[in-house]
């Protein structure tokens, strides 16, 4: 699934993994549709997490409403 991460240094892999988990936790805690978990973890892990961050999490963290 994340085979390309094997070529990255361990701290970068750890940072990406932490970001993925953070975005999944945010999606569950804010009761987003569960297709976001699928997008974040399965379809396009780093890209899906970034899309979720900019589309849903960032506006939510800044006090707006999204999703």
Protein backbone atom coordinates (compact mmCIF):
# COMPACT_ATOMS: atom_id res chain seq x y z
CA UNK A 1 0.00 0.00 0.00
CA UNK A 2 2.66 2.51 0.99
CA UNK A 3 5.55 0.86 -0.81
CA UNK A 4 7.09 4.12 -2.02
CA UNK A 5 7.64 5.17 1.60
CA UNK A 6 10.43 2.61 1.88
CA UNK A 7 12.69 4.96 -0.06
CA UNK A 8 12.12 7.84 2.40
CA UNK A 9 14.06 8.45 5.61
CA UNK A 10 12.40 7.08 8.74
CA UNK A 11 11.54 10.51 10.27
CA UNK A 12 9.66 11.46 7.09
CA UNK A 13 7.74 8.16 7.13
CA UNK A 14 6.91 8.71 10.80
CA UNK A 15 5.70 12.24 10.06
CA UNK A 16 3.49 11.06 7.17
CA UNK A 17 2.08 8.21 9.28
CA UNK A 18 1.31 10.58 12.14
CA UNK A 19 -0.44 12.97 9.75
CA UNK A 20 -2.54 10.13 8.30
CA UNK A 21 -3.62 9.01 11.77
CA UNK A 22 -4.38 12.59 12.81
CA UNK A 23 -6.61 13.11 9.77
CA UNK A 24 -8.44 9.82 10.39
CA UNK A 25 -9.01 10.69 14.05
CA UNK A 26 -10.30 14.12 13.03
CA UNK A 27 -12.68 12.55 10.50
CA UNK A 28 -14.11 10.16 13.11
CA UNK A 29 -14.35 12.72 15.92
CA UNK A 30 -16.10 15.30 13.73
CA UNK A 31 -18.43 12.63 12.32
CA UNK A 32 -17.44 13.08 8.70
CA UNK A 33 -18.65 10.59 6.12
CA UNK A 34 -16.61 7.40 6.36
CA UNK A 35 -15.57 7.59 2.73
CA UNK A 36 -12.97 10.10 3.95
CA UNK A 37 -11.25 7.30 5.90
CA UNK A 38 -11.18 5.26 2.69
CA UNK A 39 -9.69 8.20 0.76
CA UNK A 40 -7.12 9.00 3.46
CA UNK A 41 -5.89 5.45 4.05
CA UNK A 42 -6.55 3.40 0.93
CA UNK A 43 -7.07 5.35 -2.27
CA UNK A 44 -4.27 7.92 -2.05
CA UNK A 45 -2.74 8.00 1.43
CA UNK A 46 -0.57 11.15 1.50
CA UNK A 47 -2.56 12.98 -1.17
CA UNK A 48 -5.94 11.97 0.30
CA UNK A 49 -4.86 13.18 3.73
CA UNK A 50 -3.74 16.52 2.28
CA UNK A 51 -7.03 16.92 0.41
CA UNK A 52 -8.94 16.16 3.61
CA UNK A 53 -6.77 18.59 5.57
CA UNK A 54 -7.36 21.51 3.21
CA UNK A 55 -11.02 20.74 2.46
CA UNK A 56 -12.29 19.75 5.91
CA UNK A 57 -9.80 19.93 8.78
CA UNK A 58 -8.22 23.33 8.18
CA UNK A 59 -11.52 25.21 7.88
CA UNK A 60 -12.76 23.36 10.99
CA UNK A 61 -9.61 24.21 12.94
CA UNK A 62 -9.93 27.86 11.93
CA UNK A 63 -13.48 27.99 13.28
CA UNK A 64 -15.44 27.69 10.05
CA UNK A 65 -17.74 24.95 8.96
CA UNK A 66 -16.93 22.37 6.37
CA UNK A 67 -18.08 18.99 5.26
